[in-house]
């Protein structure tokens, strides 16, 4: 079972400079319009293709998120990463909507993948 994280835990890890990898599991257009600080883009249906290159450390702390609690992309991506052998995967279930509702910033930049 994938561990679930709340916004405060994700923000605390970012603020502390913890070595985490944030993964947005939405499509490129959603990612490009704004993503959590430092996040990379691995759409849920491209995990098998992109994870080996973008996530070479199988033991890295990976936090996957998508749009909101009604979006299942992060759950699908997190479960697939675990199936592929990633050992430290968590799901920020409340996702981008929760982050924005709390008044926290999104980044916009060139997409890392796809």
PDB file of N, CA and C in Angstrom:
ATOM      1  N   UNK A   1       0.844  -1.199   0.000  1.00  0.00           N
ATOM      2  CA  UNK A   1       0.000   0.000   0.000  1.00  0.00           C
ATOM      3  C   UNK A   1       0.881   1.252   0.000  1.00  0.00           C
ATOM      4  N   UNK A   2       0.516   2.190  -0.818  1.00  0.00           N
ATOM      5  CA  UNK A   2       1.272   3.432  -0.949  1.00  0.00           C
ATOM      6  C   UNK A   2       0.922   4.364   0.203  1.00  0.00           C
ATOM      7  N   UNK A   3       1.939   4.964   0.783  1.00  0.00           N
ATOM      8  CA  UNK A   3       1.765   5.932   1.864  1.00  0.00           C
ATOM      9  C   UNK A   3       1.139   7.206   1.283  1.00  0.00           C
ATOM     10  N   UNK A   4       0.213   7.812   2.034  1.00  0.00           N
ATOM     11  CA  UNK A   4      -0.400   9.072   1.612  1.00  0.00           C
ATOM     12  C   UNK A   4       0.144  10.207   2.472  1.00  0.00           C
ATOM     13  N   UNK A   5       0.403  11.336   1.837  1.00  0.00           N
ATOM     14  CA  UNK A   5       0.910  12.505   2.535  1.00  0.00           C
ATOM     15  C   UNK A   5      -0.065  13.663   2.436  1.00  0.00           C
ATOM     16  N   UNK A   6      -0.067  14.498   3.450  1.00  0.00           N
ATOM     17  CA  UNK A   6      -0.856  15.733   3.475  1.00  0.00           C
ATOM     18  C   UNK A   6       0.025  16.887   2.998  1.00  0.00           C
ATOM     19  N   UNK A   7      -0.615  17.988   2.653  1.00  0.00           N
ATOM     20  CA  UNK A   7       0.093  19.178   2.168  1.00  0.00           C
ATOM     21  C   UNK A   7       1.180  19.632   3.147  1.00  0.00           C
ATOM     22  N   UNK A   8       0.877  19.665   4.440  1.00  0.00           N
ATOM     23  CA  UNK A   8       1.855  20.154   5.416  1.00  0.00           C
ATOM     24  C   UNK A   8       3.137  19.330   5.386  1.00  0.00           C
ATOM     25  N   UNK A   9       3.012  18.030   5.194  1.00  0.00           N
ATOM     26  CA  UNK A   9       4.197  17.165   5.132  1.00  0.00           C
ATOM     27  C   UNK A   9       5.013  17.448   3.878  1.00  0.00           C
ATOM     28  N   UNK A  10       4.325  17.613   2.750  1.00  0.00           N
ATOM     29  CA  UNK A  10       5.016  17.902   1.490  1.00  0.00           C
ATOM     30  C   UNK A  10       5.723  19.250   1.599  1.00  0.00           C
ATOM     31  N   UNK A  11       5.024  20.263   2.098  1.00  0.00           N
ATOM     32  CA  UNK A  11       5.612  21.602   2.222  1.00  0.00           C
ATOM     33  C   UNK A  11       6.797  21.585   3.180  1.00  0.00           C
ATOM     34  N   UNK A  12       6.672  20.873   4.286  1.00  0.00           N
ATOM     35  CA  UNK A  12       7.771  20.796   5.257  1.00  0.00           C
ATOM     36  C   UNK A  12       9.012  20.171   4.620  1.00  0.00           C
ATOM     37  N   UNK A  13       8.815  19.142   3.812  1.00  0.00           N
ATOM     38  CA  UNK A  13       9.946  18.498   3.136  1.00  0.00           C
ATOM     39  C   UNK A  13      10.610  19.466   2.154  1.00  0.00           C
ATOM     40  N   UNK A  14       9.799  20.222   1.412  1.00  0.00           N
ATOM     41  CA  UNK A  14      10.347  21.203   0.485  1.00  0.00           C
ATOM     42  C   UNK A  14      11.077  22.307   1.237  1.00  0.00           C
ATOM     43  N   UNK A  15      10.460  22.829   2.292  1.00  0.00           N
ATOM     44  CA  UNK A  15      11.059  23.918   3.067  1.00  0.00           C
ATOM     45  C   UNK A  15      12.372  23.495   3.715  1.00  0.00           C
ATOM     46  N   UNK A  16      12.454  22.234   4.134  1.00  0.00           N
ATOM     47  CA  UNK A  16      13.660  21.730   4.793  1.00  0.00           C
ATOM     48  C   UNK A  16      14.758  21.378   3.795  1.00  0.00           C
ATOM     49  N   UNK A  17      14.410  21.402   2.501  1.00  0.00           N
ATOM     50  CA  UNK A  17      15.386  21.047   1.478  1.00  0.00           C
ATOM     51  C   UNK A  17      15.663  19.554   1.426  1.00  0.00           C
ATOM     52  N   UNK A  18      14.688  18.761   1.903  1.00  0.00           N
ATOM     53  CA  UNK A  18      14.841  17.308   1.852  1.00  0.00           C
ATOM     54  C   UNK A  18      15.049  16.850   0.411  1.00  0.00           C
ATOM     55  N   UNK A  19      15.751  15.768   0.268  1.00  0.00           N
ATOM     56  CA  UNK A  19      16.016  15.207  -1.047  1.00  0.00           C
ATOM     57  C   UNK A  19      14.808  14.383  -1.489  1.00  0.00           C
ATOM     58  N   UNK A  20      13.851  15.057  -2.104  1.00  0.00           N
ATOM     59  CA  UNK A  20      12.642  14.384  -2.599  1.00  0.00           C
ATOM     60  C   UNK A  20      12.499  14.667  -4.081  1.00  0.00           C
ATOM     61  N   UNK A  21      11.729  13.814  -4.733  1.00  0.00           N
ATOM     62  CA  UNK A  21      11.386  14.043  -6.133  1.00  0.00           C
ATOM     63  C   UNK A  21       9.870  14.156  -6.197  1.00  0.00           C
ATOM     64  N   UNK A  22       9.387  15.333  -6.571  1.00  0.00           N
ATOM     65  CA  UNK A  22       7.957  15.534  -6.779  1.00  0.00           C
ATOM     66  C   UNK A  22       7.634  15.176  -8.216  1.00  0.00           C
ATOM     67  N   UNK A  23       6.585  14.384  -8.398  1.00  0.00           N
ATOM     68  CA  UNK A  23       6.187  13.932  -9.730  1.00  0.00           C
ATOM     69  C   UNK A  23       4.733  14.298  -9.966  1.00  0.00           C
ATOM     70  N   UNK A  24       4.491  15.129 -10.976  1.00  0.00           N
ATOM     71  CA  UNK A  24       3.111  15.421 -11.374  1.00  0.00           C
ATOM     72  C   UNK A  24       2.690  14.367 -12.381  1.00  0.00           C
ATOM     73  N   UNK A  25       1.573  13.695 -12.070  1.00  0.00           N
ATOM     74  CA  UNK A  25       1.104  12.578 -12.890  1.00  0.00           C
ATOM     75  C   UNK A  25       0.044  12.995 -13.907  1.00  0.00           C
ATOM     76  N   UNK A  26      -0.087  14.286 -14.156  1.00  0.00           N
ATOM     77  CA  UNK A  26      -1.024  14.793 -15.157  1.00  0.00           C
ATOM     78  C   UNK A  26      -0.311  14.942 -16.493  1.00  0.00           C
ATOM     79  N   UNK A  27      -1.073  15.206 -17.537  1.00  0.00           N
ATOM     80  CA  UNK A  27      -0.503  15.397 -18.860  1.00  0.00           C
ATOM     81  C   UNK A  27       0.327  16.662 -18.957  1.00  0.00           C
ATOM     82  N   UNK A  28       1.129  16.770 -20.007  1.00  0.00           N
ATOM     83  CA  UNK A  28       2.047  17.891 -20.168  1.00  0.00           C
ATOM     84  C   UNK A  28       1.393  19.271 -20.125  1.00  0.00           C
ATOM     85  N   UNK A  29       0.215  19.419 -20.702  1.00  0.00           N
ATOM     86  CA  UNK A  29      -0.452  20.722 -20.696  1.00  0.00           C
ATOM     87  C   UNK A  29      -0.759  21.205 -19.291  1.00  0.00           C
ATOM     88  N   UNK A  30      -1.194  20.307 -18.446  1.00  0.00           N
ATOM     89  CA  UNK A  30      -1.483  20.654 -17.046  1.00  0.00           C
ATOM     90  C   UNK A  30      -0.192  20.998 -16.315  1.00  0.00           C
ATOM     91  N   UNK A  31       0.835  20.222 -16.559  1.00  0.00           N
ATOM     92  CA  UNK A  31       2.134  20.469 -15.934  1.00  0.00           C
ATOM     93  C   UNK A  31       2.670  21.839 -16.349  1.00  0.00           C
ATOM     94  N   UNK A  32       2.638  22.128 -17.643  1.00  0.00           N
ATOM     95  CA  UNK A  32       3.168  23.389 -18.150  1.00  0.00           C
ATOM     96  C   UNK A  32       2.400  24.587 -17.624  1.00  0.00           C
ATOM     97  N   UNK A  33       1.107  24.428 -17.335  1.00  0.00           N
ATOM     98  CA  UNK A  33       0.313  25.553 -16.844  1.00  0.00           C
ATOM     99  C   UNK A  33       0.616  25.866 -15.381  1.00  0.00           C
ATOM    100  N   UNK A  34       1.319  25.001 -14.711  1.00  0.00           N
ATOM    101  CA  UNK A  34       1.724  25.249 -13.336  1.00  0.00           C
ATOM    102  C   UNK A  34       1.848  23.946 -12.565  1.00  0.00           C
ATOM    103  N   UNK A  35       2.971  23.797 -11.855  1.00  0.00           N
ATOM    104  CA  UNK A  35       3.224  22.580 -11.087  1.00  0.00           C
ATOM    105  C   UNK A  35       3.873  22.953  -9.759  1.00  0.00           C
ATOM    106  N   UNK A  36       3.873  22.028  -8.824  1.00  0.00           N
ATOM    107  CA  UNK A  36       4.514  22.257  -7.543  1.00  0.00           C
ATOM    108  C   UNK A  36       5.998  22.527  -7.761  1.00  0.00           C
ATOM    109  N   UNK A  37       6.595  23.328  -6.869  1.00  0.00           N
ATOM    110  CA  UNK A  37       8.000  23.717  -7.040  1.00  0.00           C
ATOM    111  C   UNK A  37       8.941  22.516  -7.191  1.00  0.00           C
ATOM    112  N   UNK A  38       9.689  22.534  -8.291  1.00  0.00           N
ATOM    113  CA  UNK A  38      10.678  21.507  -8.537  1.00  0.00           C
ATOM    114  C   UNK A  38      10.142  20.202  -9.099  1.00  0.00           C
ATOM    115  N   UNK A  39       8.843  20.118  -9.327  1.00  0.00           N
ATOM    116  CA  UNK A  39       8.247  18.864  -9.809  1.00  0.00           C
ATOM    117  C   UNK A  39       8.690  18.543 -11.233  1.00  0.00           C
ATOM    118  N   UNK A  40       8.742  17.240 -11.507  1.00  0.00           N
ATOM    119  CA  UNK A  40       8.937  16.772 -12.870  1.00  0.00           C
ATOM    120  C   UNK A  40       7.612  16.192 -13.358  1.00  0.00           C
ATOM    121  N   UNK A  41       7.510  16.006 -14.653  1.00  0.00           N
ATOM    122  CA  UNK A  41       6.264  15.514 -15.241  1.00  0.00           C
ATOM    123  C   UNK A  41       6.424  14.088 -15.747  1.00  0.00           C
ATOM    124  N   UNK A  42       5.669  13.193 -15.114  1.00  0.00           N
ATOM    125  CA  UNK A  42       5.572  11.818 -15.611  1.00  0.00           C
ATOM    126  C   UNK A  42       4.088  11.468 -15.615  1.00  0.00           C
ATOM    127  N   UNK A  43       3.413  11.659 -16.746  1.00  0.00           N
ATOM    128  CA  UNK A  43       1.997  11.305 -16.809  1.00  0.00           C
ATOM    129  C   UNK A  43       1.784   9.852 -16.394  1.00  0.00           C
ATOM    130  N   UNK A  44       0.666   9.591 -15.756  1.00  0.00           N
ATOM    131  CA  UNK A  44       0.403   8.259 -15.191  1.00  0.00           C
ATOM    132  C   UNK A  44       0.488   7.148 -16.230  1.00  0.00           C
ATOM    133  N   UNK A  45       0.192   7.464 -17.482  1.00  0.00           N
ATOM    134  CA  UNK A  45       0.205   6.437 -18.516  1.00  0.00           C
ATOM    135  C   UNK A  45       1.561   6.331 -19.230  1.00  0.00           C
ATOM    136  N   UNK A  46       2.577   7.033 -18.711  1.00  0.00           N
ATOM    137  CA  UNK A  46       3.913   6.967 -19.306  1.00  0.00           C
ATOM    138  C   UNK A  46       4.983   6.585 -18.282  1.00  0.00           C
ATOM    139  N   UNK A  47       4.548   6.071 -17.133  1.00  0.00           N
ATOM    140  CA  UNK A  47       5.495   5.717 -16.072  1.00  0.00           C
ATOM    141  C   UNK A  47       6.523   4.704 -16.565  1.00  0.00           C
ATOM    142  N   UNK A  48       6.077   3.663 -17.240  1.00  0.00           N
ATOM    143  CA  UNK A  48       7.000   2.619 -17.685  1.00  0.00           C
ATOM    144  C   UNK A  48       8.092   3.179 -18.609  1.00  0.00           C
ATOM    145  N   UNK A  49       7.713   4.114 -19.469  1.00  0.00           N
ATOM    146  CA  UNK A  49       8.655   4.687 -20.425  1.00  0.00           C
ATOM    147  C   UNK A  49       9.614   5.678 -19.784  1.00  0.00           C
ATOM    148  N   UNK A  50       9.083   6.560 -18.912  1.00  0.00           N
ATOM    149  CA  UNK A  50       9.861   7.696 -18.431  1.00  0.00           C
ATOM    150  C   UNK A  50      10.587   7.475 -17.108  1.00  0.00           C
ATOM    151  N   UNK A  51      10.044   6.642 -16.251  1.00  0.00           N
ATOM    152  CA  UNK A  51      10.635   6.484 -14.916  1.00  0.00           C
ATOM    153  C   UNK A  51      12.098   6.021 -14.945  1.00  0.00           C
ATOM    154  N   UNK A  52      12.469   5.047 -15.766  1.00  0.00           N
ATOM    155  CA  UNK A  52      13.867   4.596 -15.727  1.00  0.00           C
ATOM    156  C   UNK A  52      14.876   5.720 -15.989  1.00  0.00           C
ATOM    157  N   UNK A  53      14.523   6.656 -16.850  1.00  0.00           N
ATOM    158  CA  UNK A  53      15.418   7.765 -17.169  1.00  0.00           C
ATOM    159  C   UNK A  53      15.309   8.896 -16.153  1.00  0.00           C
ATOM    160  N   UNK A  54      14.080   9.282 -15.811  1.00  0.00           N
ATOM    161  CA  UNK A  54      13.872  10.442 -14.942  1.00  0.00           C
ATOM    162  C   UNK A  54      14.013  10.118 -13.463  1.00  0.00           C
ATOM    163  N   UNK A  55      13.854   8.854 -13.112  1.00  0.00           N
ATOM    164  CA  UNK A  55      13.950   8.438 -11.707  1.00  0.00           C
ATOM    165  C   UNK A  55      14.936   7.264 -11.594  1.00  0.00           C
ATOM    166  N   UNK A  56      16.217   7.526 -11.801  1.00  0.00           N
ATOM    167  CA  UNK A  56      17.178   6.426 -11.801  1.00  0.00           C
ATOM    168  C   UNK A  56      17.419   5.795 -10.424  1.00  0.00           C
ATOM    169  N   UNK A  57      17.166   6.538  -9.354  1.00  0.00           N
ATOM    170  CA  UNK A  57      17.401   6.023  -7.994  1.00  0.00           C
ATOM    171  C   UNK A  57      16.135   5.331  -7.487  1.00  0.00           C
ATOM    172  N   UNK A  58      16.180   4.027  -7.436  1.00  0.00           N
ATOM    173  CA  UNK A  58      15.015   3.229  -7.020  1.00  0.00           C
ATOM    174  C   UNK A  58      14.656   3.434  -5.549  1.00  0.00           C
ATOM    175  N   UNK A  59      15.569   4.029  -4.760  1.00  0.00           N
ATOM    176  CA  UNK A  59      15.327   4.252  -3.338  1.00  0.00           C
ATOM    177  C   UNK A  59      15.057   5.712  -2.998  1.00  0.00           C
ATOM    178  N   UNK A  60      14.992   6.574  -4.005  1.00  0.00           N
ATOM    179  CA  UNK A  60      14.718   7.991  -3.768  1.00  0.00           C
ATOM    180  C   UNK A  60      13.333   8.163  -3.162  1.00  0.00           C
ATOM    181  N   UNK A  61      13.172   9.223  -2.367  1.00  0.00           N
ATOM    182  CA  UNK A  61      11.840   9.544  -1.853  1.00  0.00           C
ATOM    183  C   UNK A  61      11.078  10.256  -2.964  1.00  0.00           C
ATOM    184  N   UNK A  62      10.012   9.620  -3.431  1.00  0.00           N
ATOM    185  CA  UNK A  62       9.218  10.121  -4.550  1.00  0.00           C
ATOM    186  C   UNK A  62       7.819  10.435  -4.038  1.00  0.00           C
ATOM    187  N   UNK A  63       7.360  11.655  -4.318  1.00  0.00           N
ATOM    188  CA  UNK A  63       6.004  12.060  -3.945  1.00  0.00           C
ATOM    189  C   UNK A  63       5.257  12.376  -5.236  1.00  0.00           C
ATOM    190  N   UNK A  64       4.217  11.614  -5.489  1.00  0.00           N
ATOM    191  CA  UNK A  64       3.427  11.763  -6.708  1.00  0.00           C
ATOM    192  C   UNK A  64       2.142  12.519  -6.371  1.00  0.00           C
ATOM    193  N   UNK A  65       1.719  13.400  -7.275  1.00  0.00           N
ATOM    194  CA  UNK A  65       0.457  14.117  -7.070  1.00  0.00           C
ATOM    195  C   UNK A  65      -0.222  14.336  -8.411  1.00  0.00           C
ATOM    196  N   UNK A  66      -1.512  14.661  -8.357  1.00  0.00           N
ATOM    197  CA  UNK A  66      -2.236  15.056  -9.565  1.00  0.00           C
ATOM    198  C   UNK A  66      -3.108  16.256  -9.242  1.00  0.00           C
ATOM    199  N   UNK A  67      -4.299  16.336  -9.818  1.00  0.00           N
ATOM    200  CA  UNK A  67      -5.101  17.546  -9.709  1.00  0.00           C
ATOM    201  C   UNK A  67      -5.778  17.717  -8.344  1.00  0.00           C
ATOM    202  N   UNK A  68      -6.414  16.660  -7.855  1.00  0.00           N
ATOM    203  CA  UNK A  68      -7.214  16.774  -6.628  1.00  0.00           C
ATOM    204  C   UNK A  68      -7.588  15.381  -6.140  1.00  0.00           C
ATOM    205  N   UNK A  69      -8.388  15.338  -5.092  1.00  0.00           N
ATOM    206  CA  UNK A  69      -8.802  14.050  -4.532  1.00  0.00           C
ATOM    207  C   UNK A  69      -9.632  13.228  -5.506  1.00  0.00           C
ATOM    208  N   UNK A  70     -10.272  13.876  -6.470  1.00  0.00           N
ATOM    209  CA  UNK A  70     -11.103  13.137  -7.423  1.00  0.00           C
ATOM    210  C   UNK A  70     -10.295  12.595  -8.602  1.00  0.00           C
ATOM    211  N   UNK A  71      -9.046  13.006  -8.705  1.00  0.00           N
ATOM    212  CA  UNK A  71      -8.158  12.554  -9.778  1.00  0.00           C
ATOM    213  C   UNK A  71      -7.399  11.320  -9.297  1.00  0.00           C
ATOM    214  N   UNK A  72      -7.400  10.252 -10.077  1.00  0.00           N
ATOM    215  CA  UNK A  72      -6.725   9.016  -9.681  1.00  0.00           C
ATOM    216  C   UNK A  72      -5.336   8.854 -10.314  1.00  0.00           C
ATOM    217  N   UNK A  73      -4.910   9.830 -11.101  1.00  0.00           N
ATOM    218  CA  UNK A  73      -3.631   9.692 -11.803  1.00  0.00           C
ATOM    219  C   UNK A  73      -2.468   9.449 -10.860  1.00  0.00           C
ATOM    220  N   UNK A  74      -2.435  10.168  -9.739  1.00  0.00           N
ATOM    221  CA  UNK A  74      -1.300   9.991  -8.827  1.00  0.00           C
ATOM    222  C   UNK A  74      -1.315   8.607  -8.193  1.00  0.00           C
ATOM    223  N   UNK A  75      -2.486   8.120  -7.861  1.00  0.00           N
ATOM    224  CA  UNK A  75      -2.599   6.768  -7.303  1.00  0.00           C
ATOM    225  C   UNK A  75      -2.106   5.726  -8.306  1.00  0.00           C
ATOM    226  N   UNK A  76      -2.531   5.867  -9.555  1.00  0.00           N
ATOM    227  CA  UNK A  76      -2.108   4.932 -10.596  1.00  0.00           C
ATOM    228  C   UNK A  76      -0.597   4.980 -10.801  1.00  0.00           C
ATOM    229  N   UNK A  77      -0.053   6.197 -10.871  1.00  0.00           N
ATOM    230  CA  UNK A  77       1.383   6.347 -11.089  1.00  0.00           C
ATOM    231  C   UNK A  77       2.178   5.828  -9.896  1.00  0.00           C
ATOM    232  N   UNK A  78       1.752   6.152  -8.690  1.00  0.00           N
ATOM    233  CA  UNK A  78       2.464   5.709  -7.486  1.00  0.00           C
ATOM    234  C   UNK A  78       2.465   4.188  -7.386  1.00  0.00           C
ATOM    235  N   UNK A  79       1.321   3.584  -7.643  1.00  0.00           N
ATOM    236  CA  UNK A  79       1.249   2.121  -7.594  1.00  0.00           C
ATOM    237  C   UNK A  79       2.136   1.489  -8.659  1.00  0.00           C
ATOM    238  N   UNK A  80       2.167   2.077  -9.832  1.00  0.00           N
ATOM    239  CA  UNK A  80       3.006   1.525 -10.902  1.00  0.00           C
ATOM    240  C   UNK A  80       4.485   1.659 -10.545  1.00  0.00           C
ATOM    241  N   UNK A  81       4.874   2.792  -9.968  1.00  0.00           N
ATOM    242  CA  UNK A  81       6.266   2.957  -9.549  1.00  0.00           C
ATOM    243  C   UNK A  81       6.648   1.884  -8.528  1.00  0.00           C
ATOM    244  N   UNK A  82       5.758   1.629  -7.587  1.00  0.00           N
ATOM    245  CA  UNK A  82       6.018   0.588  -6.589  1.00  0.00           C
ATOM    246  C   UNK A  82       6.152  -0.778  -7.259  1.00  0.00           C
ATOM    247  N   UNK A  83       5.294  -1.057  -8.230  1.00  0.00           N
ATOM    248  CA  UNK A  83       5.364  -2.331  -8.955  1.00  0.00           C
ATOM    249  C   UNK A  83       6.684  -2.469  -9.711  1.00  0.00           C
ATOM    250  N   UNK A  84       7.233  -1.341 -10.162  1.00  0.00           N
ATOM    251  CA  UNK A  84       8.496  -1.353 -10.893  1.00  0.00           C
ATOM    252  C   UNK A  84       9.702  -1.479  -9.962  1.00  0.00           C
ATOM    253  N   UNK A  85       9.455  -1.418  -8.653  1.00  0.00           N
ATOM    254  CA  UNK A  85      10.539  -1.617  -7.696  1.00  0.00           C
ATOM    255  C   UNK A  85      10.996  -0.384  -6.942  1.00  0.00           C
ATOM    256  N   UNK A  86      10.338   0.740  -7.137  1.00  0.00           N
ATOM    257  CA  UNK A  86      10.681   1.930  -6.357  1.00  0.00           C
ATOM    258  C   UNK A  86      10.224   1.696  -4.920  1.00  0.00           C
ATOM    259  N   UNK A  87      11.109   1.998  -3.973  1.00  0.00           N
ATOM    260  CA  UNK A  87      10.888   1.566  -2.597  1.00  0.00           C
ATOM    261  C   UNK A  87      10.319   2.630  -1.662  1.00  0.00           C
ATOM    262  N   UNK A  88      10.311   3.895  -2.085  1.00  0.00           N
ATOM    263  CA  UNK A  88       9.917   4.971  -1.176  1.00  0.00           C
ATOM    264  C   UNK A  88       8.983   5.950  -1.890  1.00  0.00           C
ATOM    265  N   UNK A  89       7.795   5.464  -2.238  1.00  0.00           N
ATOM    266  CA  UNK A  89       6.832   6.248  -3.018  1.00  0.00           C
ATOM    267  C   UNK A  89       5.657   6.644  -2.130  1.00  0.00           C
ATOM    268  N   UNK A  90       5.268   7.907  -2.225  1.00  0.00           N
ATOM    269  CA  UNK A  90       4.100   8.400  -1.489  1.00  0.00           C
ATOM    270  C   UNK A  90       3.187   9.148  -2.447  1.00  0.00           C
ATOM    271  N   UNK A  91       1.937   9.276  -2.062  1.00  0.00           N
ATOM    272  CA  UNK A  91       0.917   9.954  -2.868  1.00  0.00           C
ATOM    273  C   UNK A  91       0.384  11.154  -2.094  1.00  0.00           C
ATOM    274  N   UNK A  92       0.555  12.340  -2.661  1.00  0.00           N
ATOM    275  CA  UNK A  92      -0.065  13.554  -2.115  1.00  0.00           C
ATOM    276  C   UNK A  92      -1.449  13.611  -2.753  1.00  0.00           C
ATOM    277  N   UNK A  93      -2.399  12.945  -2.108  1.00  0.00           N
ATOM    278  CA  UNK A  93      -3.723  12.689  -2.674  1.00  0.00           C
ATOM    279  C   UNK A  93      -4.496  13.972  -2.970  1.00  0.00           C
ATOM    280  N   UNK A  94      -4.386  14.970  -2.106  1.00  0.00           N
ATOM    281  CA  UNK A  94      -5.164  16.201  -2.289  1.00  0.00           C
ATOM    282  C   UNK A  94      -4.666  17.021  -3.472  1.00  0.00           C
ATOM    283  N   UNK A  95      -3.432  16.852  -3.834  1.00  0.00           N
ATOM    284  CA  UNK A  95      -2.885  17.367  -5.077  1.00  0.00           C
ATOM    285  C   UNK A  95      -2.820  18.868  -5.267  1.00  0.00           C
ATOM    286  N   UNK A  96      -2.708  19.227  -6.536  1.00  0.00           N
ATOM    287  CA  UNK A  96      -2.480  20.610  -6.923  1.00  0.00           C
ATOM    288  C   UNK A  96      -3.577  21.547  -6.447  1.00  0.00           C
ATOM    289  N   UNK A  97      -4.828  21.111  -6.471  1.00  0.00           N
ATOM    290  CA  UNK A  97      -5.930  21.976  -6.027  1.00  0.00           C
ATOM    291  C   UNK A  97      -5.762  22.361  -4.559  1.00  0.00           C
ATOM    292  N   UNK A  98      -5.385  21.409  -3.735  1.00  0.00           N
ATOM    293  CA  UNK A  98      -5.164  21.664  -2.313  1.00  0.00           C
ATOM    294  C   UNK A  98      -4.015  22.640  -2.113  1.00  0.00           C
ATOM    295  N   UNK A  99      -2.956  22.463  -2.872  1.00  0.00           N
ATOM    296  CA  UNK A  99      -1.773  23.329  -2.794  1.00  0.00           C
ATOM    297  C   UNK A  99      -2.155  24.773  -3.122  1.00  0.00           C
ATOM    298  N   UNK A 100      -2.894  24.953  -4.216  1.00  0.00           N
ATOM    299  CA  UNK A 100      -3.300  26.288  -4.658  1.00  0.00           C
ATOM    300  C   UNK A 100      -4.296  26.912  -3.676  1.00  0.00           C
ATOM    301  N   UNK A 101      -5.246  26.117  -3.185  1.00  0.00           N
ATOM    302  CA  UNK A 101      -6.226  26.627  -2.217  1.00  0.00           C
ATOM    303  C   UNK A 101      -5.560  27.136  -0.949  1.00  0.00           C
ATOM    304  N   UNK A 102      -4.408  26.588  -0.608  1.00  0.00           N
ATOM    305  CA  UNK A 102      -3.668  27.031   0.579  1.00  0.00           C
ATOM    306  C   UNK A 102      -2.830  28.281   0.283  1.00  0.00           C
ATOM    307  N   UNK A 103      -2.914  28.785  -0.960  1.00  0.00           N
ATOM    308  CA  UNK A 103      -2.183  29.986  -1.332  1.00  0.00           C
ATOM    309  C   UNK A 103      -0.717  29.755  -1.622  1.00  0.00           C
ATOM    310  N   UNK A 104      -0.347  28.505  -1.867  1.00  0.00           N
ATOM    311  CA  UNK A 104       1.051  28.181  -2.143  1.00  0.00           C
ATOM    312  C   UNK A 104       1.338  28.314  -3.639  1.00  0.00           C
ATOM    313  N   UNK A 105       2.567  28.664  -3.984  1.00  0.00           N
ATOM    314  CA  UNK A 105       2.888  28.966  -5.384  1.00  0.00           C
ATOM    315  C   UNK A 105       3.081  27.730  -6.250  1.00  0.00           C
ATOM    316  N   UNK A 106       2.802  27.925  -7.524  1.00  0.00           N
ATOM    317  CA  UNK A 106       3.123  26.949  -8.558  1.00  0.00           C
ATOM    318  C   UNK A 106       4.264  27.525  -9.390  1.00  0.00           C
ATOM    319  N   UNK A 107       4.992  26.654 -10.043  1.00  0.00           N
ATOM    320  CA  UNK A 107       6.034  27.069 -10.976  1.00  0.00           C
ATOM    321  C   UNK A 107       5.540  26.841 -12.395  1.00  0.00           C
ATOM    322  N   UNK A 108       6.061  27.632 -13.307  1.00  0.00           N
ATOM    323  CA  UNK A 108       5.834  27.405 -14.730  1.00  0.00           C
ATOM    324  C   UNK A 108       7.195  27.454 -15.406  1.00  0.00           C
ATOM    325  N   UNK A 109       7.523  26.403 -16.131  1.00  0.00           N
ATOM    326  CA  UNK A 109       8.781  26.381 -16.839  1.00  0.00           C
ATOM    327  C   UNK A 109       8.720  25.361 -17.958  1.00  0.00           C
ATOM    328  N   UNK A 110       9.837  25.152 -18.593  1.00  0.00           N
ATOM    329  CA  UNK A 110       9.895  24.179 -19.664  1.00  0.00           C
ATOM    330  C   UNK A 110       9.694  22.785 -19.085  1.00  0.00           C
ATOM    331  N   UNK A 111       8.833  21.986 -19.659  1.00  0.00           N
ATOM    332  CA  UNK A 111       8.606  20.654 -19.120  1.00  0.00           C
ATOM    333  C   UNK A 111       9.855  19.787 -19.163  1.00  0.00           C
ATOM    334  N   UNK A 112      10.001  18.969 -18.153  1.00  0.00           N
ATOM    335  CA  UNK A 112      11.154  18.090 -18.053  1.00  0.00           C
ATOM    336  C   UNK A 112      11.005  16.893 -18.987  1.00  0.00           C
ATOM    337  N   UNK A 113       9.769  16.439 -19.169  1.00  0.00           N
ATOM    338  CA  UNK A 113       9.551  15.228 -19.973  1.00  0.00           C
ATOM    339  C   UNK A 113       8.367  15.419 -20.911  1.00  0.00           C
ATOM    340  N   UNK A 114       8.279  14.555 -21.863  1.00  0.00           N
ATOM    341  CA  UNK A 114       7.215  14.414 -22.859  1.00  0.00           C
ATOM    342  C   UNK A 114       7.147  15.498 -23.876  1.00  0.00           C
TER     343      UNK A 114
END
